[in-house]
Amino acid sequence: MFRSFLAAAALTLAAGAAQAQATPEQVQALVKAIAEAGCVVNADNNAAILSAAGLQGQDAQVVVNALLGLGQAEIIDGNLKLKTAGCN
């Protein structure tokens, strides 16, 4: 499920189809949750990170797209790696 979540996020970003925008609070919550989980989202911790950030479904995709678009995250080997302070 995690890889399809990232694939959908990447496709949405590439296509520019997402019209919803992530709020700064949503981005901050996801960044915090990912950082606390070791800076990488994978299949094993995906659900826990999204739960800790208070995100699900479409909202989670929008926030991941925002992180990717801002260069604050990247996808490496099918995992989402945070590139913010403390996670480089």
Protein backbone atom coordinates (compact mmCIF):
# COMPACT_ATOMS: atom_id res chain seq x y z
CA MET A 1 0.00 0.00 0.00
CA PHE A 2 2.80 2.43 0.83
CA ARG A 3 4.41 2.20 -2.59
CA SER A 4 1.09 2.80 -4.31
CA PHE A 5 0.55 5.79 -2.01
CA LEU A 6 3.92 7.24 -3.08
CA ALA A 7 3.31 6.38 -6.72
CA ALA A 8 -0.05 8.15 -6.63
CA ALA A 9 1.54 11.15 -4.95
CA ALA A 10 4.33 11.32 -7.52
CA LEU A 11 1.89 10.99 -10.42
CA THR A 12 -0.32 13.70 -8.98
CA LEU A 13 2.68 15.98 -8.56
CA ALA A 14 3.99 15.27 -12.05
CA ALA A 15 0.61 15.81 -13.66
CA GLY A 16 -0.11 18.95 -11.66
CA ALA A 17 -3.57 17.58 -11.06
CA ALA A 18 -3.79 18.24 -7.35
CA GLN A 19 -5.74 21.42 -6.86
CA ALA A 20 -5.99 21.11 -3.10
CA GLN A 21 -3.17 22.70 -1.18
CA ALA A 22 -1.52 21.54 1.98
CA THR A 23 -1.77 23.89 4.92
CA PRO A 24 1.42 24.88 6.74
CA GLU A 25 0.06 23.07 9.80
CA GLN A 26 -0.39 19.84 7.84
CA VAL A 27 3.12 20.06 6.41
CA GLN A 28 4.58 20.79 9.83
CA ALA A 29 2.70 17.88 11.41
CA LEU A 30 3.90 15.43 8.75
CA VAL A 31 7.50 16.69 8.90
CA LYS A 32 7.48 16.29 12.68
CA ALA A 33 6.02 12.77 12.51
CA ILE A 34 8.51 11.65 9.85
CA ALA A 35 11.46 13.16 11.74
CA GLU A 36 10.40 11.42 14.94
CA ALA A 37 10.26 8.12 13.01
CA GLY A 38 13.85 8.45 11.80
CA CYS A 39 13.32 10.65 8.72
CA VAL A 40 12.15 7.85 6.40
CA VAL A 41 8.65 6.63 5.62
CA ASN A 42 8.41 3.01 4.53
CA ALA A 43 5.80 0.29 4.36
CA ASP A 44 6.34 -0.62 8.00
CA ASN A 45 5.88 2.84 9.52
CA ASN A 46 3.62 4.55 6.98
CA ALA A 47 0.33 4.09 8.86
CA ALA A 48 1.83 5.15 12.21
CA ILE A 49 3.39 8.29 10.70
CA LEU A 50 0.18 9.34 8.97
CA SER A 51 -1.77 8.70 12.16
CA ALA A 52 0.69 10.75 14.22
CA ALA A 53 0.36 13.59 11.70
CA GLY A 54 -3.44 13.33 11.72
CA LEU A 55 -3.58 12.72 7.97
CA GLN A 56 -5.30 10.18 5.78
CA GLY A 57 -6.22 9.58 2.17
CA GLN A 58 -6.27 12.56 -0.17
CA ASP A 59 -4.99 14.96 2.50
CA ALA A 60 -1.90 12.80 3.03
CA GLN A 61 -1.23 12.73 -0.72
CA VAL A 62 -1.52 16.51 -0.95
CA VAL A 63 0.94 17.02 1.91
CA VAL A 64 3.43 14.50 0.49
CA ASN A 65 3.16 16.25 -2.88
CA ALA A 66 3.91 19.55 -1.16
CA LEU A 67 7.01 18.12 0.52
CA LEU A 68 8.23 16.66 -2.77
CA GLY A 69 7.49 19.86 -4.68
CA LEU A 70 9.28 22.01 -2.13
CA GLY A 71 12.33 19.75 -2.24
CA GLN A 72 11.86 18.86 1.43
CA ALA A 73 11.55 15.15 0.65
CA GLU A 74 12.56 12.68 -2.02
CA ILE A 75 11.67 9.14 -2.96
CA ILE A 76 14.58 6.72 -2.68
CA ASP A 77 14.14 2.99 -3.29
CA GLY A 78 10.38 3.32 -2.86
CA ASN A 79 10.66 5.12 0.49
CA LEU A 80 10.01 8.77 1.27
CA LYS A 81 13.09 10.41 2.83
CA LEU A 82 12.78 13.75 4.56
CA LYS A 83 15.43 16.33 3.63
CA THR A 84 14.68 18.97 6.24
CA ALA A 85 16.99 20.12 9.06
CA GLY A 86 18.01 17.19 11.20
CA CYS A 87 17.21 14.68 8.47
CA ASN A 88 19.92 15.30 5.89
